[in-house]
Amino acid sequence: MTLLFNEAHPIPLHAIMAMIAIILGGIQLSMKKGGLIHKLLGRIWVGLMLIVAITSFFIHETKMWGDYSPIHLLSLWTIFILGVGIYYVRVGNIKRHKQVMIATYFFALILTGFFTLFPGRVMHQILIG
């Protein structure tokens, strides 16, 4: 983890929050839905996801459009779709809430997490060596 903490800020915060969100999201997917613990962990997970998305705007390792890249479009989408997921649960459309949150977990965390494992990236060095 020393390699991660030696990275420029906000990369360590971004990566740690993403790792926690992956673990917490996996727990959420495996547990009973609708109870107080699910709701509490869901709120924490949404907060973690917002931190991950927002901190990404301050990471400029891959530049395609000025300081930004396609991953930043995913960050914008993540912020928007988290709001959609919250909207669905608040109006009682649990089926759509579930679909949105599961898709967000897999596309915004798992799929993009694989991209961090490419050679030359810090997470590749940490996890693969």
N, C-alpha and C. Protein backbone atom coordinates (compact mmCIF):
# COMPACT_ATOMS: atom_id res chain seq x y z
N MET A 1 0.82 -1.20 0.00
CA MET A 1 0.00 0.00 0.00
C MET A 1 0.86 1.26 0.00
N THR A 2 2.15 1.12 0.29
CA THR A 2 3.03 2.28 0.28
C THR A 2 3.04 2.94 -1.10
N LEU A 3 3.02 2.11 -2.14
CA LEU A 3 2.98 2.66 -3.50
C LEU A 3 1.77 3.55 -3.69
N LEU A 4 0.63 3.11 -3.17
CA LEU A 4 -0.59 3.89 -3.31
C LEU A 4 -0.48 5.22 -2.57
N PHE A 5 0.01 5.17 -1.35
CA PHE A 5 0.10 6.39 -0.55
C PHE A 5 1.17 7.36 -1.05
N ASN A 6 2.06 6.88 -1.91
CA ASN A 6 3.06 7.76 -2.51
C ASN A 6 2.53 8.47 -3.76
N GLU A 7 1.34 8.09 -4.22
CA GLU A 7 0.74 8.72 -5.39
C GLU A 7 0.24 10.12 -5.03
N ALA A 8 0.10 10.95 -6.05
CA ALA A 8 -0.41 12.31 -5.85
C ALA A 8 -1.87 12.25 -5.40
N HIS A 9 -2.24 13.22 -4.61
CA HIS A 9 -3.62 13.30 -4.15
C HIS A 9 -4.50 13.81 -5.27
N PRO A 10 -5.68 13.31 -5.47
CA PRO A 10 -6.48 12.49 -4.57
C PRO A 10 -6.47 11.00 -4.90
N ILE A 11 -5.44 10.51 -5.60
CA ILE A 11 -5.42 9.11 -6.01
C ILE A 11 -5.56 8.15 -4.83
N PRO A 12 -4.83 8.32 -3.71
CA PRO A 12 -5.02 7.39 -2.60
C PRO A 12 -6.46 7.39 -2.05
N LEU A 13 -7.03 8.57 -1.86
CA LEU A 13 -8.41 8.65 -1.36
C LEU A 13 -9.37 7.98 -2.35
N HIS A 14 -9.22 8.28 -3.61
CA HIS A 14 -10.06 7.72 -4.67
C HIS A 14 -10.00 6.18 -4.64
N ALA A 15 -8.80 5.64 -4.61
CA ALA A 15 -8.62 4.19 -4.66
C ALA A 15 -9.14 3.50 -3.40
N ILE A 16 -8.87 4.08 -2.25
CA ILE A 16 -9.34 3.47 -1.00
C ILE A 16 -10.86 3.48 -0.91
N MET A 17 -11.47 4.60 -1.28
CA MET A 17 -12.94 4.67 -1.26
C MET A 17 -13.54 3.68 -2.26
N ALA A 18 -12.89 3.52 -3.42
CA ALA A 18 -13.38 2.55 -4.40
C ALA A 18 -13.27 1.12 -3.87
N MET A 19 -12.17 0.80 -3.22
CA MET A 19 -12.00 -0.55 -2.66
C MET A 19 -13.04 -0.82 -1.58
N ILE A 20 -13.28 0.16 -0.72
CA ILE A 20 -14.30 -0.01 0.32
C ILE A 20 -15.68 -0.17 -0.33
N ALA A 21 -15.95 0.62 -1.37
CA ALA A 21 -17.25 0.53 -2.07
C ALA A 21 -17.42 -0.84 -2.74
N ILE A 22 -16.36 -1.41 -3.26
CA ILE A 22 -16.44 -2.75 -3.85
C ILE A 22 -16.83 -3.77 -2.79
N ILE A 23 -16.16 -3.71 -1.65
CA ILE A 23 -16.45 -4.66 -0.56
C ILE A 23 -17.86 -4.45 -0.02
N LEU A 24 -18.20 -3.20 0.29
CA LEU A 24 -19.52 -2.91 0.85
C LEU A 24 -20.63 -3.23 -0.15
N GLY A 25 -20.40 -2.94 -1.41
CA GLY A 25 -21.39 -3.28 -2.44
C GLY A 25 -21.60 -4.78 -2.55
N GLY A 26 -20.53 -5.54 -2.45
CA GLY A 26 -20.64 -7.01 -2.47
C GLY A 26 -21.45 -7.52 -1.28
N ILE A 27 -21.23 -6.92 -0.14
CA ILE A 27 -22.02 -7.28 1.05
C ILE A 27 -23.48 -6.95 0.82
N GLN A 28 -23.74 -5.76 0.29
CA GLN A 28 -25.12 -5.33 0.01
C GLN A 28 -25.82 -6.31 -0.93
N LEU A 29 -25.12 -6.75 -1.96
CA LEU A 29 -25.72 -7.66 -2.93
C LEU A 29 -26.05 -9.02 -2.33
N SER A 30 -25.31 -9.41 -1.31
CA SER A 30 -25.51 -10.74 -0.74
C SER A 30 -26.46 -10.77 0.45
N MET A 31 -26.84 -9.63 0.98
CA MET A 31 -27.65 -9.63 2.19
C MET A 31 -29.12 -9.39 1.91
N LYS A 32 -29.92 -9.56 2.94
CA LYS A 32 -31.36 -9.31 2.86
C LYS A 32 -31.59 -7.83 2.55
N LYS A 33 -32.55 -7.57 1.68
CA LYS A 33 -32.83 -6.21 1.24
C LYS A 33 -33.97 -5.58 2.03
N GLY A 34 -33.91 -4.26 2.15
CA GLY A 34 -35.02 -3.49 2.70
C GLY A 34 -34.96 -3.18 4.18
N GLY A 35 -34.11 -3.85 4.93
CA GLY A 35 -34.04 -3.61 6.37
C GLY A 35 -33.22 -2.37 6.69
N LEU A 36 -33.15 -2.07 7.98
CA LEU A 36 -32.41 -0.89 8.43
C LEU A 36 -30.93 -0.97 8.06
N ILE A 37 -30.35 -2.15 8.19
CA ILE A 37 -28.92 -2.29 7.87
C ILE A 37 -28.70 -2.09 6.38
N HIS A 38 -29.58 -2.64 5.55
CA HIS A 38 -29.48 -2.44 4.10
C HIS A 38 -29.55 -0.95 3.76
N LYS A 39 -30.47 -0.25 4.39
CA LYS A 39 -30.63 1.17 4.11
C LYS A 39 -29.41 1.97 4.57
N LEU A 40 -28.89 1.65 5.75
CA LEU A 40 -27.71 2.35 6.27
C LEU A 40 -26.50 2.08 5.38
N LEU A 41 -26.26 0.81 5.07
CA LEU A 41 -25.11 0.48 4.23
C LEU A 41 -25.28 1.07 2.82
N GLY A 42 -26.52 1.13 2.34
CA GLY A 42 -26.79 1.74 1.04
C GLY A 42 -26.43 3.21 1.02
N ARG A 43 -26.78 3.91 2.07
CA ARG A 43 -26.43 5.34 2.15
C ARG A 43 -24.92 5.53 2.20
N ILE A 44 -24.26 4.68 2.96
CA ILE A 44 -22.79 4.76 3.04
C ILE A 44 -22.19 4.47 1.66
N TRP A 45 -22.73 3.44 0.98
CA TRP A 45 -22.23 3.06 -0.34
C TRP A 45 -22.40 4.20 -1.34
N VAL A 46 -23.56 4.84 -1.34
CA VAL A 46 -23.79 5.98 -2.24
C VAL A 46 -22.79 7.09 -1.93
N GLY A 47 -22.55 7.36 -0.66
CA GLY A 47 -21.55 8.37 -0.27
C GLY A 47 -20.17 8.02 -0.78
N LEU A 48 -19.79 6.76 -0.63
CA LEU A 48 -18.49 6.31 -1.14
C LEU A 48 -18.40 6.48 -2.65
N MET A 49 -19.47 6.12 -3.33
CA MET A 49 -19.48 6.24 -4.79
C MET A 49 -19.38 7.70 -5.23
N LEU A 50 -20.02 8.59 -4.50
CA LEU A 50 -19.91 10.01 -4.83
C LEU A 50 -18.48 10.51 -4.63
N ILE A 51 -17.85 10.07 -3.56
CA ILE A 51 -16.45 10.45 -3.33
C ILE A 51 -15.58 9.94 -4.47
N VAL A 52 -15.78 8.68 -4.86
CA VAL A 52 -14.99 8.09 -5.95
C VAL A 52 -15.21 8.88 -7.24
N ALA A 53 -16.45 9.17 -7.56
CA ALA A 53 -16.75 9.89 -8.80
C ALA A 53 -16.18 11.31 -8.77
N ILE A 54 -16.39 12.01 -7.68
CA ILE A 54 -15.93 13.41 -7.60
C ILE A 54 -14.41 13.50 -7.60
N THR A 55 -13.74 12.62 -6.85
CA THR A 55 -12.28 12.68 -6.84
C THR A 55 -11.68 12.37 -8.20
N SER A 56 -12.40 11.61 -9.02
CA SER A 56 -11.87 11.27 -10.35
C SER A 56 -11.64 12.51 -11.21
N PHE A 57 -12.40 13.58 -10.96
CA PHE A 57 -12.25 14.80 -11.75
C PHE A 57 -10.93 15.52 -11.45
N PHE A 58 -10.24 15.09 -10.41
CA PHE A 58 -8.96 15.70 -10.04
C PHE A 58 -7.78 14.77 -10.37
N ILE A 59 -8.08 13.69 -11.08
CA ILE A 59 -7.05 12.74 -11.53
C ILE A 59 -6.97 12.88 -13.05
N HIS A 60 -5.76 13.21 -13.53
CA HIS A 60 -5.60 13.52 -14.95
C HIS A 60 -4.46 12.73 -15.58
N GLU A 61 -4.40 11.43 -15.27
CA GLU A 61 -3.31 10.62 -15.82
C GLU A 61 -3.50 10.33 -17.31
N THR A 62 -4.74 10.10 -17.71
CA THR A 62 -5.05 9.84 -19.11
C THR A 62 -5.76 11.08 -19.66
N LYS A 63 -5.11 11.74 -20.60
CA LYS A 63 -5.67 12.99 -21.14
C LYS A 63 -6.04 12.79 -22.59
N MET A 64 -7.33 13.01 -22.88
CA MET A 64 -7.79 12.91 -24.27
C MET A 64 -8.44 14.20 -24.72
N TRP A 65 -9.15 14.86 -23.80
CA TRP A 65 -9.83 16.12 -24.08
C TRP A 65 -9.35 17.12 -23.03
N GLY A 66 -8.24 17.75 -23.27
CA GLY A 66 -7.64 18.60 -22.24
C GLY A 66 -7.15 17.70 -21.12
N ASP A 67 -7.62 17.94 -19.91
CA ASP A 67 -7.22 17.13 -18.77
C ASP A 67 -8.11 15.90 -18.58
N TYR A 68 -9.09 15.70 -19.44
CA TYR A 68 -10.11 14.68 -19.19
C TYR A 68 -10.06 13.54 -20.19
N SER A 69 -10.74 12.44 -19.82
CA SER A 69 -10.78 11.24 -20.64
C SER A 69 -12.18 10.62 -20.53
N PRO A 70 -12.42 9.54 -21.26
CA PRO A 70 -13.74 8.90 -21.18
C PRO A 70 -14.14 8.46 -19.77
N ILE A 71 -13.19 8.18 -18.93
CA ILE A 71 -13.52 7.76 -17.56
C ILE A 71 -14.25 8.88 -16.82
N HIS A 72 -13.97 10.12 -17.18
CA HIS A 72 -14.65 11.24 -16.54
C HIS A 72 -16.12 11.31 -16.96
N LEU A 73 -16.41 10.86 -18.18
CA LEU A 73 -17.82 10.76 -18.58
C LEU A 73 -18.54 9.72 -17.73
N LEU A 74 -17.85 8.63 -17.42
CA LEU A 74 -18.43 7.61 -16.54
C LEU A 74 -18.67 8.19 -15.15
N SER A 75 -17.79 9.05 -14.70
CA SER A 75 -17.98 9.68 -13.39
C SER A 75 -19.22 10.56 -13.38
N LEU A 76 -19.41 11.33 -14.44
CA LEU A 76 -20.64 12.14 -14.55
C LEU A 76 -21.87 11.24 -14.56
N TRP A 77 -21.80 10.17 -15.35
CA TRP A 77 -22.91 9.23 -15.42
C TRP A 77 -23.18 8.61 -14.05
N THR A 78 -22.13 8.25 -13.32
CA THR A 78 -22.28 7.64 -12.00
C THR A 78 -23.02 8.58 -11.06
N ILE A 79 -22.64 9.83 -11.04
CA ILE A 79 -23.31 10.80 -10.17
C ILE A 79 -24.79 10.89 -10.53
N PHE A 80 -25.07 10.97 -11.82
CA PHE A 80 -26.46 11.05 -12.28
C PHE A 80 -27.25 9.79 -11.91
N ILE A 81 -26.68 8.62 -12.19
CA ILE A 81 -27.42 7.37 -12.01
C ILE A 81 -27.61 7.03 -10.54
N LEU A 82 -26.71 7.49 -9.67
CA LEU A 82 -26.94 7.32 -8.24
C LEU A 82 -28.20 8.07 -7.83
N GLY A 83 -28.36 9.27 -8.37
CA GLY A 83 -29.58 10.04 -8.11
C GLY A 83 -30.82 9.31 -8.62
N VAL A 84 -30.70 8.69 -9.78
CA VAL A 84 -31.82 7.92 -10.34
C VAL A 84 -32.18 6.75 -9.42
N GLY A 85 -31.16 6.05 -8.94
CA GLY A 85 -31.40 4.93 -8.02
C GLY A 85 -32.08 5.38 -6.74
N ILE A 86 -31.66 6.51 -6.21
CA ILE A 86 -32.29 7.06 -5.00
C ILE A 86 -33.73 7.46 -5.31
N TYR A 87 -33.94 8.07 -6.45
CA TYR A 87 -35.30 8.46 -6.84
C TYR A 87 -36.22 7.23 -6.87
N TYR A 88 -35.76 6.15 -7.52
CA TYR A 88 -36.60 4.96 -7.64
C TYR A 88 -36.98 4.38 -6.28
N VAL A 89 -36.05 4.33 -5.36
CA VAL A 89 -36.40 3.77 -4.06
C VAL A 89 -37.35 4.69 -3.31
N ARG A 90 -37.19 5.98 -3.47
CA ARG A 90 -38.07 6.93 -2.78
C ARG A 90 -39.50 6.91 -3.30
N VAL A 91 -39.67 6.59 -4.59
CA VAL A 91 -41.03 6.52 -5.13
C VAL A 91 -41.59 5.10 -5.04
N GLY A 92 -40.82 4.19 -4.46
CA GLY A 92 -41.30 2.84 -4.24
C GLY A 92 -41.11 1.87 -5.40
N ASN A 93 -40.33 2.26 -6.39
CA ASN A 93 -40.07 1.36 -7.52
C ASN A 93 -38.80 0.56 -7.19
N ILE A 94 -38.97 -0.43 -6.33
CA ILE A 94 -37.84 -1.21 -5.82
C ILE A 94 -37.17 -2.01 -6.93
N LYS A 95 -37.94 -2.52 -7.88
CA LYS A 95 -37.38 -3.30 -8.99
C LYS A 95 -36.37 -2.46 -9.78
N ARG A 96 -36.74 -1.24 -10.15
CA ARG A 96 -35.84 -0.37 -10.91
C ARG A 96 -34.66 0.09 -10.04
N HIS A 97 -34.91 0.36 -8.76
CA HIS A 97 -33.84 0.73 -7.83
C HIS A 97 -32.78 -0.38 -7.81
N LYS A 98 -33.24 -1.60 -7.68
CA LYS A 98 -32.33 -2.74 -7.64
C LYS A 98 -31.53 -2.85 -8.94
N GLN A 99 -32.20 -2.72 -10.07
CA GLN A 99 -31.53 -2.81 -11.37
C GLN A 99 -30.46 -1.73 -11.52
N VAL A 100 -30.81 -0.50 -11.16
CA VAL A 100 -29.88 0.63 -11.30
C VAL A 100 -28.67 0.44 -10.39
N MET A 101 -28.90 0.06 -9.16
CA MET A 101 -27.79 -0.06 -8.21
C MET A 101 -26.87 -1.23 -8.55
N ILE A 102 -27.44 -2.34 -8.99
CA ILE A 102 -26.60 -3.47 -9.39
C ILE A 102 -25.78 -3.10 -10.63
N ALA A 103 -26.40 -2.46 -11.61
CA ALA A 103 -25.67 -2.04 -12.80
C ALA A 103 -24.57 -1.05 -12.45
N THR A 104 -24.86 -0.13 -11.54
CA THR A 104 -23.85 0.85 -11.13
C THR A 104 -22.68 0.16 -10.46
N TYR A 105 -22.97 -0.80 -9.60
CA TYR A 105 -21.91 -1.55 -8.93
C TYR A 105 -20.99 -2.22 -9.97
N PHE A 106 -21.58 -2.91 -10.92
CA PHE A 106 -20.77 -3.65 -11.87
C PHE A 106 -20.07 -2.76 -12.89
N PHE A 107 -20.74 -1.76 -13.40
CA PHE A 107 -20.11 -0.93 -14.44
C PHE A 107 -19.18 0.14 -13.86
N ALA A 108 -19.59 0.80 -12.77
CA ALA A 108 -18.79 1.90 -12.23
C ALA A 108 -17.68 1.43 -11.30
N LEU A 109 -17.79 0.22 -10.78
CA LEU A 109 -16.74 -0.28 -9.88
C LEU A 109 -15.97 -1.47 -10.45
N ILE A 110 -16.69 -2.53 -10.77
CA ILE A 110 -16.02 -3.76 -11.19
C ILE A 110 -15.37 -3.60 -12.57
N LEU A 111 -16.14 -3.17 -13.56
CA LEU A 111 -15.59 -3.01 -14.90
C LEU A 111 -14.45 -1.99 -14.93
N THR A 112 -14.68 -0.83 -14.35
CA THR A 112 -13.62 0.18 -14.36
C THR A 112 -12.44 -0.25 -13.49
N GLY A 113 -12.71 -1.05 -12.47
CA GLY A 113 -11.63 -1.57 -11.64
C GLY A 113 -10.65 -2.41 -12.43
N PHE A 114 -11.16 -3.15 -13.42
CA PHE A 114 -10.26 -3.94 -14.27
C PHE A 114 -9.30 -3.05 -15.05
N PHE A 115 -9.75 -1.87 -15.45
CA PHE A 115 -8.88 -0.96 -16.18
C PHE A 115 -7.71 -0.47 -15.31
N THR A 116 -7.90 -0.43 -14.00
CA THR A 116 -6.82 0.01 -13.12
C THR A 116 -5.74 -1.07 -12.99
N LEU A 117 -6.03 -2.26 -13.50
CA LEU A 117 -5.06 -3.35 -13.40
C LEU A 117 -4.16 -3.46 -14.61
N PHE A 118 -4.30 -2.53 -15.57
CA PHE A 118 -3.43 -2.54 -16.73
C PHE A 118 -1.99 -2.25 -16.29
N PRO A 119 -1.01 -2.87 -16.96
CA PRO A 119 0.39 -2.60 -16.63
C PRO A 119 0.70 -1.10 -16.69
N GLY A 120 1.49 -0.66 -15.73
CA GLY A 120 1.87 0.74 -15.64
C GLY A 120 1.00 1.53 -14.68
N ARG A 121 -0.15 0.99 -14.30
CA ARG A 121 -1.03 1.67 -13.35
C ARG A 121 -0.64 1.25 -11.94
N VAL A 122 -0.87 2.12 -10.98
CA VAL A 122 -0.45 1.86 -9.60
C VAL A 122 -1.15 0.64 -9.01
N MET A 123 -2.43 0.44 -9.33
CA MET A 123 -3.14 -0.72 -8.77
C MET A 123 -2.60 -2.02 -9.36
N HIS A 124 -2.11 -1.98 -10.57
CA HIS A 124 -1.44 -3.16 -11.15
C HIS A 124 -0.19 -3.51 -10.35
N GLN A 125 0.57 -2.47 -10.02
CA GLN A 125 1.79 -2.70 -9.24
C GLN A 125 1.47 -3.21 -7.85
N ILE A 126 0.41 -2.70 -7.22
CA ILE A 126 0.05 -3.09 -5.86
C ILE A 126 -0.49 -4.52 -5.82
N LEU A 127 -1.42 -4.83 -6.72
CA LEU A 127 -2.13 -6.11 -6.65
C LEU A 127 -1.43 -7.24 -7.42
N ILE A 128 -0.74 -6.90 -8.51
CA ILE A 128 -0.13 -7.93 -9.33
C ILE A 128 1.39 -7.94 -9.20
N GLY A 129 1.96 -6.77 -8.99
CA GLY A 129 3.39 -6.68 -8.80
C GLY A 129 4.05 -6.30 -10.05
